[in-house]
Amino acid sequence: MPTHVRTARNPAPRRAKAQASIARPVKAARAVLVATDGSTLASAAIRIAKLMADQGVWAPQAVTVLEPLPVSVADMTLGPPALVYQQEVTDSLIGAIQQQLRRRGGADWKLSVQFGRAAPVISRFARESGLELIVLGLGRHGKLARLVGAETAARVARLSDAPVLAVADGARTLPYTALVAMDFGDSSVSAAREALAMLQPPGRLHLLHVRWAANGQTLGDLNWERTYAMGVEHGFQRVMRELGQREGIKVSTELRIGGVVESILAVAKKIDADVIAAGSHSQTVVDRLVIGSTPGQLLRAAPCSVLVVPPAPRTAT
């Protein structure tokens, strides 16, 4: 069955715009948490948060998590380091992070220092502080730093009640083109909404639904395939109604058949996506077949930033 594409194309001459001057509707700035350990891994996250803050869209604060030093190595058990040395290490790390924030424009951000394991502490701190978005670095594609960043981001995304934006090392400007992996569940619709809010005009929001099929094969039942495509088209129309229109942002849609992650990465390359967005949870068995563990795989393999959005918390009835 041929690929079904519905587009509203936008060539989007981009990257050279003075992004801080782009007018946006007046809204209260979102409370955003930027996680940093002082390394270059976090520099892109700080840079993007600063650009959004310059537009009045985000109100960032920073957090760093100091993990405990190991007290055992192989078969050896070590005593804890002397307190004076622990304090020297802590002061040195905090000083490096403060210097990083100053260099990247976040000198006036509140910096919180937490202790423990990074992922659970970051997610818990964001939840307890009422923060609406977590931003962290993703690292270089294909490098060890990317693997470390992806694993940290994946752990935070699994634990977080807030969306998590993992910023690729190469991100220098705010995004113009976003690809959203749609399963039409609540979390993927929220992912589309989050991605749309970040885009800069002239920009493009591309909604992609992938029907999984081994080697891209159809089922041979044309009536079933046609009905499925109609259902997807109906889903796209519903999502676009829910999103509404935003001046300067075009919305396009696409249905592909094949491997989920492979298809997402191929389309991301085709449209030169700046960010890939996906929901972190699917609501039905069919949706799980479609989206599965896609966010974690995208964090490890995507050539751009990745936005992972959790489902809305369930309310008691």
C-alpha atoms as a PDB file:
ATOM      1  CA  MET A   1       0.000   0.000   0.000  1.00  0.00           C
ATOM      2  CA  PRO A   2       1.539   3.367  -0.928  1.00  0.00           C
ATOM      3  CA  THR A   3       2.540   5.816   1.758  1.00  0.00           C
ATOM      4  CA  HIS A   4      -0.249   8.235   2.551  1.00  0.00           C
ATOM      5  CA  VAL A   5       0.948  11.804   2.909  1.00  0.00           C
ATOM      6  CA  ARG A   6      -1.016  14.946   3.618  1.00  0.00           C
ATOM      7  CA  THR A   7       1.195  17.983   3.669  1.00  0.00           C
ATOM      8  CA  ALA A   8       1.133  21.705   4.043  1.00  0.00           C
ATOM      9  CA  ARG A   9       4.740  22.278   3.071  1.00  0.00           C
ATOM     10  CA  ASN A  10       6.849  25.077   4.329  1.00  0.00           C
ATOM     11  CA  PRO A  11      10.375  25.583   3.026  1.00  0.00           C
ATOM     12  CA  ALA A  12      11.184  27.399   6.298  1.00  0.00           C
ATOM     13  CA  PRO A  13      14.339  29.401   5.555  1.00  0.00           C
ATOM     14  CA  ARG A  14      15.760  29.116   9.010  1.00  0.00           C
ATOM     15  CA  ARG A  15      18.522  29.182  11.584  1.00  0.00           C
ATOM     16  CA  ALA A  16      19.519  32.767  10.765  1.00  0.00           C
ATOM     17  CA  LYS A  17      16.598  34.514  12.422  1.00  0.00           C
ATOM     18  CA  ALA A  18      16.965  36.694  15.502  1.00  0.00           C
ATOM     19  CA  GLN A  19      14.782  34.410  17.571  1.00  0.00           C
ATOM     20  CA  ALA A  20      14.498  36.596  20.627  1.00  0.00           C
ATOM     21  CA  SER A  21      12.530  39.149  18.625  1.00  0.00           C
ATOM     22  CA  ILE A  22       9.735  36.777  17.576  1.00  0.00           C
ATOM     23  CA  ALA A  23       6.413  37.965  18.966  1.00  0.00           C
ATOM     24  CA  ARG A  24       4.319  35.477  20.913  1.00  0.00           C
ATOM     25  CA  PRO A  25       0.971  35.671  22.653  1.00  0.00           C
ATOM     26  CA  VAL A  26       1.355  36.970  26.189  1.00  0.00           C
ATOM     27  CA  LYS A  27       1.221  34.046  28.599  1.00  0.00           C
ATOM     28  CA  ALA A  28       2.696  33.297  31.967  1.00  0.00           C
ATOM     29  CA  ALA A  29       6.196  31.879  31.559  1.00  0.00           C
ATOM     30  CA  ARG A  30       6.440  28.155  32.221  1.00  0.00           C
ATOM     31  CA  ALA A  31       8.463  27.026  35.209  1.00  0.00           C
ATOM     32  CA  VAL A  32      11.266  24.962  33.689  1.00  0.00           C
ATOM     33  CA  LEU A  33      13.994  22.901  35.330  1.00  0.00           C
ATOM     34  CA  VAL A  34      17.373  22.710  33.587  1.00  0.00           C
ATOM     35  CA  ALA A  35      19.528  19.852  34.850  1.00  0.00           C
ATOM     36  CA  THR A  36      23.286  20.326  34.599  1.00  0.00           C
ATOM     37  CA  ASP A  37      26.391  18.677  35.964  1.00  0.00           C
ATOM     38  CA  GLY A  38      28.705  21.391  34.713  1.00  0.00           C
ATOM     39  CA  SER A  39      29.851  19.348  31.701  1.00  0.00           C
ATOM     40  CA  THR A  40      29.552  20.216  28.019  1.00  0.00           C
ATOM     41  CA  LEU A  41      26.701  17.695  27.891  1.00  0.00           C
ATOM     42  CA  ALA A  42      24.411  20.261  29.506  1.00  0.00           C
ATOM     43  CA  SER A  43      25.573  23.340  27.589  1.00  0.00           C
ATOM     44  CA  ALA A  44      23.049  22.945  24.760  1.00  0.00           C
ATOM     45  CA  ALA A  45      20.209  22.510  27.263  1.00  0.00           C
ATOM     46  CA  ILE A  46      21.187  25.750  28.997  1.00  0.00           C
ATOM     47  CA  ARG A  47      21.488  27.526  25.648  1.00  0.00           C
ATOM     48  CA  ILE A  48      17.992  26.509  24.492  1.00  0.00           C
ATOM     49  CA  ALA A  49      16.453  27.374  27.876  1.00  0.00           C
ATOM     50  CA  LYS A  50      18.074  30.814  27.697  1.00  0.00           C
ATOM     51  CA  LEU A  51      16.631  31.433  24.213  1.00  0.00           C
ATOM     52  CA  MET A  52      13.145  30.486  25.401  1.00  0.00           C
ATOM     53  CA  ALA A  53      13.576  32.656  28.492  1.00  0.00           C
ATOM     54  CA  ASP A  54      14.582  35.593  26.275  1.00  0.00           C
ATOM     55  CA  GLN A  55      11.197  35.244  24.562  1.00  0.00           C
ATOM     56  CA  GLY A  56       9.429  35.283  27.914  1.00  0.00           C
ATOM     57  CA  VAL A  57       8.133  31.759  27.329  1.00  0.00           C
ATOM     58  CA  TRP A  58      10.138  29.911  29.974  1.00  0.00           C
ATOM     59  CA  ALA A  59      11.204  30.837  33.504  1.00  0.00           C
ATOM     60  CA  PRO A  60      14.179  28.496  34.037  1.00  0.00           C
ATOM     61  CA  GLN A  61      15.921  27.407  37.160  1.00  0.00           C
ATOM     62  CA  ALA A  62      18.819  24.989  37.379  1.00  0.00           C
ATOM     63  CA  VAL A  63      19.528  21.899  39.419  1.00  0.00           C
ATOM     64  CA  THR A  64      22.638  19.819  39.839  1.00  0.00           C
ATOM     65  CA  VAL A  65      22.760  16.463  41.518  1.00  0.00           C
ATOM     66  CA  LEU A  66      25.872  15.378  43.379  1.00  0.00           C
ATOM     67  CA  GLU A  67      26.031  11.608  43.415  1.00  0.00           C
ATOM     68  CA  PRO A  68      27.706   9.808  46.321  1.00  0.00           C
ATOM     69  CA  LEU A  69      31.221   8.542  45.777  1.00  0.00           C
ATOM     70  CA  PRO A  70      31.451   4.744  45.565  1.00  0.00           C
ATOM     71  CA  VAL A  71      32.478   2.994  48.774  1.00  0.00           C
ATOM     72  CA  SER A  72      33.318  -0.303  47.093  1.00  0.00           C
ATOM     73  CA  VAL A  73      35.414  -1.178  44.055  1.00  0.00           C
ATOM     74  CA  ALA A  74      35.396  -4.774  42.820  1.00  0.00           C
ATOM     75  CA  ASP A  75      36.035  -6.822  45.975  1.00  0.00           C
ATOM     76  CA  MET A  76      37.394  -3.914  48.001  1.00  0.00           C
ATOM     77  CA  THR A  77      35.307  -1.941  50.485  1.00  0.00           C
ATOM     78  CA  LEU A  78      36.433   1.627  51.090  1.00  0.00           C
ATOM     79  CA  GLY A  79      35.720   3.972  53.919  1.00  0.00           C
ATOM     80  CA  PRO A  80      34.046   7.278  53.008  1.00  0.00           C
ATOM     81  CA  PRO A  81      36.416  10.080  51.962  1.00  0.00           C
ATOM     82  CA  ALA A  82      37.392  12.580  54.631  1.00  0.00           C
ATOM     83  CA  LEU A  83      34.799  15.332  55.028  1.00  0.00           C
ATOM     84  CA  VAL A  84      37.294  18.014  54.079  1.00  0.00           C
ATOM     85  CA  TYR A  85      37.916  16.360  50.728  1.00  0.00           C
ATOM     86  CA  GLN A  86      34.202  15.846  50.111  1.00  0.00           C
ATOM     87  CA  GLN A  87      33.621  19.537  50.758  1.00  0.00           C
ATOM     88  CA  GLU A  88      36.448  20.526  48.399  1.00  0.00           C
ATOM     89  CA  VAL A  89      35.018  18.368  45.623  1.00  0.00           C
ATOM     90  CA  THR A  90      31.498  19.734  46.194  1.00  0.00           C
ATOM     91  CA  ASP A  91      32.656  23.360  46.193  1.00  0.00           C
ATOM     92  CA  SER A  92      34.698  22.785  43.047  1.00  0.00           C
ATOM     93  CA  LEU A  93      31.766  21.225  41.159  1.00  0.00           C
ATOM     94  CA  ILE A  94      29.329  23.927  42.213  1.00  0.00           C
ATOM     95  CA  GLY A  95      31.816  26.595  41.175  1.00  0.00           C
ATOM     96  CA  ALA A  96      32.172  24.997  37.727  1.00  0.00           C
ATOM     97  CA  ILE A  97      28.390  24.862  37.297  1.00  0.00           C
ATOM     98  CA  GLN A  98      27.948  28.484  38.332  1.00  0.00           C
ATOM     99  CA  GLN A  99      30.628  29.475  35.825  1.00  0.00           C
ATOM    100  CA  GLN A 100      28.850  27.443  33.123  1.00  0.00           C
ATOM    101  CA  LEU A 101      25.549  29.194  33.830  1.00  0.00           C
ATOM    102  CA  ARG A 102      27.227  32.602  33.663  1.00  0.00           C
ATOM    103  CA  ARG A 103      28.862  31.787  30.325  1.00  0.00           C
ATOM    104  CA  ARG A 104      25.562  30.564  28.847  1.00  0.00           C
ATOM    105  CA  GLY A 105      23.409  33.434  30.109  1.00  0.00           C
ATOM    106  CA  GLY A 106      21.842  31.786  33.149  1.00  0.00           C
ATOM    107  CA  ALA A 107      23.707  33.736  35.821  1.00  0.00           C
ATOM    108  CA  ASP A 108      20.430  34.957  37.362  1.00  0.00           C
ATOM    109  CA  TRP A 109      18.831  31.508  37.472  1.00  0.00           C
ATOM    110  CA  LYS A 110      18.239  29.914  40.829  1.00  0.00           C
ATOM    111  CA  LEU A 111      20.630  26.962  41.272  1.00  0.00           C
ATOM    112  CA  SER A 112      19.596  24.125  43.560  1.00  0.00           C
ATOM    113  CA  VAL A 113      22.099  21.511  44.714  1.00  0.00           C
ATOM    114  CA  GLN A 114      20.681  18.068  45.444  1.00  0.00           C
ATOM    115  CA  PHE A 115      22.312  14.825  46.570  1.00  0.00           C
ATOM    116  CA  GLY A 116      21.602  11.297  45.400  1.00  0.00           C
ATOM    117  CA  ARG A 117      21.116   9.451  42.122  1.00  0.00           C
ATOM    118  CA  ALA A 118      20.564  11.816  39.219  1.00  0.00           C
ATOM    119  CA  ALA A 119      17.391  10.505  37.541  1.00  0.00           C
ATOM    120  CA  PRO A 120      15.166   9.939  40.600  1.00  0.00           C
ATOM    121  CA  VAL A 121      16.373  13.136  42.264  1.00  0.00           C
ATOM    122  CA  ILE A 122      15.760  15.292  39.171  1.00  0.00           C
ATOM    123  CA  SER A 123      12.268  13.879  38.606  1.00  0.00           C
ATOM    124  CA  ARG A 124      11.331  14.144  42.290  1.00  0.00           C
ATOM    125  CA  PHE A 125      12.698  17.689  42.599  1.00  0.00           C
ATOM    126  CA  ALA A 126      10.700  18.810  39.541  1.00  0.00           C
ATOM    127  CA  ARG A 127       7.530  17.214  40.924  1.00  0.00           C
ATOM    128  CA  GLU A 128       7.888  18.661  44.412  1.00  0.00           C
ATOM    129  CA  SER A 129       8.766  22.116  43.045  1.00  0.00           C
ATOM    130  CA  GLY A 130       5.788  22.212  40.666  1.00  0.00           C
ATOM    131  CA  LEU A 131       8.000  22.554  37.582  1.00  0.00           C
ATOM    132  CA  GLU A 132       6.344  21.968  34.222  1.00  0.00           C
ATOM    133  CA  LEU A 133       9.215  20.825  32.006  1.00  0.00           C
ATOM    134  CA  ILE A 134      12.637  19.222  32.493  1.00  0.00           C
ATOM    135  CA  VAL A 135      15.431  20.146  30.090  1.00  0.00           C
ATOM    136  CA  LEU A 136      18.732  18.282  29.978  1.00  0.00           C
ATOM    137  CA  GLY A 137      21.558  17.516  27.581  1.00  0.00           C
ATOM    138  CA  LEU A 138      21.512  14.592  25.192  1.00  0.00           C
ATOM    139  CA  GLY A 139      25.143  14.700  24.093  1.00  0.00           C
ATOM    140  CA  ARG A 140      26.882  13.997  20.826  1.00  0.00           C
ATOM    141  CA  HIS A 141      25.362  11.494  18.422  1.00  0.00           C
ATOM    142  CA  GLY A 142      27.434   8.340  18.104  1.00  0.00           C
ATOM    143  CA  LYS A 143      29.749   9.223  20.998  1.00  0.00           C
ATOM    144  CA  LEU A 144      29.987   7.871  24.524  1.00  0.00           C
ATOM    145  CA  ALA A 145      28.570  11.192  25.752  1.00  0.00           C
ATOM    146  CA  ARG A 146      25.423  10.522  23.702  1.00  0.00           C
ATOM    147  CA  LEU A 147      25.009   7.105  25.305  1.00  0.00           C
ATOM    148  CA  VAL A 148      25.408   8.552  28.801  1.00  0.00           C
ATOM    149  CA  GLY A 149      23.053  11.441  28.050  1.00  0.00           C
ATOM    150  CA  ALA A 150      20.464   9.179  26.449  1.00  0.00           C
ATOM    151  CA  GLU A 151      20.445   6.773  29.380  1.00  0.00           C
ATOM    152  CA  THR A 152      20.065   9.592  31.892  1.00  0.00           C
ATOM    153  CA  ALA A 153      17.308  11.203  29.837  1.00  0.00           C
ATOM    154  CA  ALA A 154      15.504   7.876  29.451  1.00  0.00           C
ATOM    155  CA  ARG A 155      15.604   7.254  33.207  1.00  0.00           C
ATOM    156  CA  VAL A 156      14.331  10.745  33.968  1.00  0.00           C
ATOM    157  CA  ALA A 157      11.555  10.377  31.382  1.00  0.00           C
ATOM    158  CA  ARG A 158      10.430   7.070  32.909  1.00  0.00           C
ATOM    159  CA  LEU A 159      10.169   8.623  36.362  1.00  0.00           C
ATOM    160  CA  SER A 160       8.951  12.123  35.537  1.00  0.00           C
ATOM    161  CA  ASP A 161       5.400  13.434  35.632  1.00  0.00           C
ATOM    162  CA  ALA A 162       6.546  16.384  33.478  1.00  0.00           C
ATOM    163  CA  PRO A 163       7.673  16.416  29.845  1.00  0.00           C
ATOM    164  CA  VAL A 164      11.402  15.907  29.316  1.00  0.00           C
ATOM    165  CA  LEU A 165      13.319  17.699  26.560  1.00  0.00           C
ATOM    166  CA  ALA A 166      16.704  16.146  25.816  1.00  0.00           C
ATOM    167  CA  VAL A 167      18.665  18.702  23.790  1.00  0.00           C
ATOM    168  CA  ALA A 168      21.142  17.471  21.195  1.00  0.00           C
ATOM    169  CA  ASP A 169      24.655  18.818  21.404  1.00  0.00           C
ATOM    170  CA  GLY A 170      24.400  20.503  18.007  1.00  0.00           C
ATOM    171  CA  ALA A 171      21.322  22.583  18.879  1.00  0.00           C
ATOM    172  CA  ARG A 172      22.228  26.245  18.485  1.00  0.00           C
ATOM    173  CA  THR A 173      18.807  27.760  17.796  1.00  0.00           C
ATOM    174  CA  LEU A 174      15.231  27.084  18.793  1.00  0.00           C
ATOM    175  CA  PRO A 175      13.481  24.507  16.606  1.00  0.00           C
ATOM    176  CA  TYR A 176      11.711  25.319  13.362  1.00  0.00           C
ATOM    177  CA  THR A 177      10.698  21.778  12.386  1.00  0.00           C
ATOM    178  CA  ALA A 178       9.253  19.154  14.717  1.00  0.00           C
ATOM    179  CA  LEU A 179       8.293  15.567  13.977  1.00  0.00           C
ATOM    180  CA  VAL A 180       5.680  14.059  16.296  1.00  0.00           C
ATOM    181  CA  ALA A 181       5.235  10.287  16.554  1.00  0.00           C
ATOM    182  CA  MET A 182       1.464   9.915  16.845  1.00  0.00           C
ATOM    183  CA  ASP A 183      -0.434   6.982  18.287  1.00  0.00           C
ATOM    184  CA  PHE A 184      -3.433   9.297  18.945  1.00  0.00           C
ATOM    185  CA  GLY A 185      -3.329   8.591  22.678  1.00  0.00           C
ATOM    186  CA  ASP A 186      -3.386  11.479  25.132  1.00  0.00           C
ATOM    187  CA  SER A 187       0.374  11.562  25.619  1.00  0.00           C
ATOM    188  CA  SER A 188       1.143  11.800  21.899  1.00  0.00           C
ATOM    189  CA  VAL A 189      -1.398  14.618  21.516  1.00  0.00           C
ATOM    190  CA  SER A 190       0.296  16.377  24.427  1.00  0.00           C
ATOM    191  CA  ALA A 191       3.643  15.800  22.711  1.00  0.00           C
ATOM    192  CA  ALA A 192       2.311  17.530  19.594  1.00  0.00           C
ATOM    193  CA  ARG A 193       1.079  20.441  21.713  1.00  0.00           C
ATOM    194  CA  GLU A 194       4.442  20.747  23.516  1.00  0.00           C
ATOM    195  CA  ALA A 195       6.365  20.636  20.242  1.00  0.00           C
ATOM    196  CA  LEU A 196       4.099  23.215  18.638  1.00  0.00           C
ATOM    197  CA  ALA A 197       4.695  25.608  21.530  1.00  0.00           C
ATOM    198  CA  MET A 198       8.465  25.474  20.959  1.00  0.00           C
ATOM    199  CA  LEU A 199       8.484  26.019  17.200  1.00  0.00           C
ATOM    200  CA  GLN A 200       9.670  29.251  15.622  1.00  0.00           C
ATOM    201  CA  PRO A 201       7.960  30.736  12.559  1.00  0.00           C
ATOM    202  CA  PRO A 202       8.212  30.045   9.734  1.00  0.00           C
ATOM    203  CA  GLY A 203       8.034  26.491  11.011  1.00  0.00           C
ATOM    204  CA  ARG A 204       6.522  23.085  10.439  1.00  0.00           C
ATOM    205  CA  LEU A 205       4.860  20.536  12.699  1.00  0.00           C
ATOM    206  CA  HIS A 206       4.825  17.114  11.027  1.00  0.00           C
ATOM    207  CA  LEU A 207       2.514  14.487  12.525  1.00  0.00           C
ATOM    208  CA  LEU A 208       3.583  10.923  11.709  1.00  0.00           C
ATOM    209  CA  HIS A 209       1.713   7.707  12.375  1.00  0.00           C
ATOM    210  CA  VAL A 210       3.496   4.438  11.686  1.00  0.00           C
ATOM    211  CA  ARG A 211       1.552   1.224  11.275  1.00  0.00           C
ATOM    212  CA  TRP A 212       4.009  -1.452  12.170  1.00  0.00           C
ATOM    213  CA  ALA A 213       4.641  -4.047   9.503  1.00  0.00           C
ATOM    214  CA  ALA A 214       7.563  -6.405   9.014  1.00  0.00           C
ATOM    215  CA  ASN A 215       9.693  -5.140   6.128  1.00  0.00           C
ATOM    216  CA  GLY A 216       6.999  -2.626   5.263  1.00  0.00           C
ATOM    217  CA  GLN A 217       4.645  -5.310   3.965  1.00  0.00           C
ATOM    218  CA  THR A 218       0.913  -4.718   3.784  1.00  0.00           C
ATOM    219  CA  LEU A 219      -1.552  -7.330   4.981  1.00  0.00           C
ATOM    220  CA  GLY A 220      -2.983  -7.966   1.539  1.00  0.00           C
ATOM    221  CA  ASP A 221      -6.480  -7.023   2.702  1.00  0.00           C
ATOM    222  CA  LEU A 222      -7.209  -3.836   0.776  1.00  0.00           C
ATOM    223  CA  ASN A 223     -10.479  -3.142   2.572  1.00  0.00           C
ATOM    224  CA  TRP A 224      -8.754  -3.427   5.963  1.00  0.00           C
ATOM    225  CA  GLU A 225      -5.890  -1.209   4.805  1.00  0.00           C
ATOM    226  CA  ARG A 226      -8.310   1.379   3.438  1.00  0.00           C
ATOM    227  CA  THR A 227     -10.344   1.415   6.661  1.00  0.00           C
ATOM    228  CA  TYR A 228      -7.175   1.743   8.743  1.00  0.00           C
ATOM    229  CA  ALA A 229      -5.996   4.692   6.618  1.00  0.00           C
ATOM    230  CA  MET A 230      -9.398   6.369   7.025  1.00  0.00           C
ATOM    231  CA  GLY A 231      -9.162   5.926  10.794  1.00  0.00           C
ATOM    232  CA  VAL A 232      -5.709   7.483  10.839  1.00  0.00           C
ATOM    233  CA  GLU A 233      -6.896  10.412   8.729  1.00  0.00           C
ATOM    234  CA  HIS A 234      -9.772  10.937  11.140  1.00  0.00           C
ATOM    235  CA  GLY A 235      -7.279  10.873  14.008  1.00  0.00           C
ATOM    236  CA  PHE A 236      -5.097  13.488  12.312  1.00  0.00           C
ATOM    237  CA  GLN A 237      -8.069  15.778  11.773  1.00  0.00           C
ATOM    238  CA  ARG A 238      -9.099  15.435  15.420  1.00  0.00           C
ATOM    239  CA  VAL A 239      -5.587  16.241  16.650  1.00  0.00           C
ATOM    240  CA  MET A 240      -5.296  19.284  14.385  1.00  0.00           C
ATOM    241  CA  ARG A 241      -8.617  20.582  15.702  1.00  0.00           C
ATOM    242  CA  GLU A 242      -7.391  20.140  19.271  1.00  0.00           C
ATOM    243  CA  LEU A 243      -4.082  21.870  18.522  1.00  0.00           C
ATOM    244  CA  GLY A 244      -5.668  24.829  16.783  1.00  0.00           C
ATOM    245  CA  GLN A 245      -3.711  27.128  14.512  1.00  0.00           C
ATOM    246  CA  ARG A 246      -0.577  29.060  15.261  1.00  0.00           C
ATOM    247  CA  GLU A 247       0.523  31.861  12.979  1.00  0.00           C
ATOM    248  CA  GLY A 248       3.566  31.002  10.905  1.00  0.00           C
ATOM    249  CA  ILE A 249       3.464  27.258  11.663  1.00  0.00           C
ATOM    250  CA  LYS A 250       2.335  24.788   9.015  1.00  0.00           C
ATOM    251  CA  VAL A 251       1.022  21.353   9.945  1.00  0.00           C
ATOM    252  CA  SER A 252       1.555  18.276   7.777  1.00  0.00           C
ATOM    253  CA  THR A 253       0.586  14.657   8.323  1.00  0.00           C
ATOM    254  CA  GLU A 254       1.852  11.300   7.141  1.00  0.00           C
ATOM    255  CA  LEU A 255       1.007   7.626   7.474  1.00  0.00           C
ATOM    256  CA  ARG A 256       3.826   5.133   6.950  1.00  0.00           C
ATOM    257  CA  ILE A 257       3.977   1.362   7.053  1.00  0.00           C
ATOM    258  CA  GLY A 258       7.064  -0.335   8.413  1.00  0.00           C
ATOM    259  CA  GLY A 259       9.293  -0.430  11.463  1.00  0.00           C
ATOM    260  CA  VAL A 260       8.327   2.274  13.952  1.00  0.00           C
ATOM    261  CA  VAL A 261      11.703   3.672  14.991  1.00  0.00           C
ATOM    262  CA  GLU A 262      13.219   3.166  11.548  1.00  0.00           C
ATOM    263  CA  SER A 263      10.340   5.057   9.944  1.00  0.00           C
ATOM    264  CA  ILE A 264      10.507   7.907  12.451  1.00  0.00           C
ATOM    265  CA  LEU A 265      14.245   8.334  11.926  1.00  0.00           C
ATOM    266  CA  ALA A 266      13.876   8.211   8.148  1.00  0.00           C
ATOM    267  CA  VAL A 267      11.175  10.893   8.147  1.00  0.00           C
ATOM    268  CA  ALA A 268      13.145  13.014  10.624  1.00  0.00           C
ATOM    269  CA  LYS A 269      16.085  12.959   8.213  1.00  0.00           C
ATOM    270  CA  LYS A 270      13.858  13.697   5.229  1.00  0.00           C
ATOM    271  CA  ILE A 271      12.312  16.805   6.766  1.00  0.00           C
ATOM    272  CA  ASP A 272      15.473  17.855   8.640  1.00  0.00           C
ATOM    273  CA  ALA A 273      13.693  17.794  11.986  1.00  0.00           C
ATOM    274  CA  ASP A 274      15.130  19.821  14.841  1.00  0.00           C
ATOM    275  CA  VAL A 275      13.200  17.852  17.434  1.00  0.00           C
ATOM    276  CA  ILE A 276      11.333  14.542  17.555  1.00  0.00           C
ATOM    277  CA  ALA A 277       8.443  14.374  20.024  1.00  0.00           C
ATOM    278  CA  ALA A 278       6.694  11.279  21.336  1.00  0.00           C
ATOM    279  CA  GLY A 279       4.404  10.241  24.134  1.00  0.00           C
ATOM    280  CA  SER A 280       6.003   8.051  26.775  1.00  0.00           C
ATOM    281  CA  HIS A 281       3.017   5.773  27.286  1.00  0.00           C
ATOM    282  CA  SER A 282       0.340   4.235  25.115  1.00  0.00           C
ATOM    283  CA  GLN A 283      -3.174   3.575  26.218  1.00  0.00           C
ATOM    284  CA  THR A 284      -4.180   0.361  24.449  1.00  0.00           C
ATOM    285  CA  VAL A 285      -2.662  -2.903  23.278  1.00  0.00           C
ATOM    286  CA  VAL A 286      -2.831  -1.675  19.665  1.00  0.00           C
ATOM    287  CA  ASP A 287      -1.126   1.588  20.632  1.00  0.00           C
ATOM    288  CA  ARG A 288       1.636  -0.294  22.439  1.00  0.00           C
ATOM    289  CA  LEU A 289       2.286  -2.240  19.237  1.00  0.00           C
ATOM    290  CA  VAL A 290       2.591   1.063  17.407  1.00  0.00           C
ATOM    291  CA  ILE A 291       4.665   3.069  19.852  1.00  0.00           C
ATOM    292  CA  GLY A 292       6.138   0.471  22.237  1.00  0.00           C
ATOM    293  CA  SER A 293       9.436   1.602  23.757  1.00  0.00           C
ATOM    294  CA  THR A 294       9.911   4.162  21.007  1.00  0.00           C
ATOM    295  CA  PRO A 295      10.981   7.132  23.199  1.00  0.00           C
ATOM    296  CA  GLY A 296      13.910   5.251  24.726  1.00  0.00           C
ATOM    297  CA  GLN A 297      15.102   4.067  21.332  1.00  0.00           C
ATOM    298  CA  LEU A 298      14.774   7.561  19.883  1.00  0.00           C
ATOM    299  CA  LEU A 299      16.844   9.042  22.691  1.00  0.00           C
ATOM    300  CA  ARG A 300      19.659   6.685  21.752  1.00  0.00           C
ATOM    301  CA  ALA A 301      19.417   6.991  17.976  1.00  0.00           C
ATOM    302  CA  ALA A 302      17.856  10.320  16.940  1.00  0.00           C
ATOM    303  CA  PRO A 303      20.163  12.835  15.234  1.00  0.00           C
ATOM    304  CA  CYS A 304      18.347  15.732  16.897  1.00  0.00           C
ATOM    305  CA  SER A 305      16.725  16.739  20.177  1.00  0.00           C
ATOM    306  CA  VAL A 306      14.002  14.487  21.603  1.00  0.00           C
ATOM    307  CA  LEU A 307      10.915  15.532  23.564  1.00  0.00           C
ATOM    308  CA  VAL A 308       9.219  12.841  25.682  1.00  0.00           C
ATOM    309  CA  VAL A 309       5.800  13.606  27.153  1.00  0.00           C
ATOM    310  CA  PRO A 310       4.137  11.447  29.819  1.00  0.00           C
ATOM    311  CA  PRO A 311       0.419  10.745  30.022  1.00  0.00           C
ATOM    312  CA  ALA A 312      -1.670  13.061  32.137  1.00  0.00           C
ATOM    313  CA  PRO A 313      -2.025  11.794  35.716  1.00  0.00           C
ATOM    314  CA  ARG A 314      -5.190   9.854  36.324  1.00  0.00           C
ATOM    315  CA  THR A 315      -7.798  11.542  38.451  1.00  0.00           C
ATOM    316  CA  ALA A 316      -9.787   9.661  41.044  1.00  0.00           C
ATOM    317  CA  THR A 317     -13.414   9.036  40.139  1.00  0.00           C
END
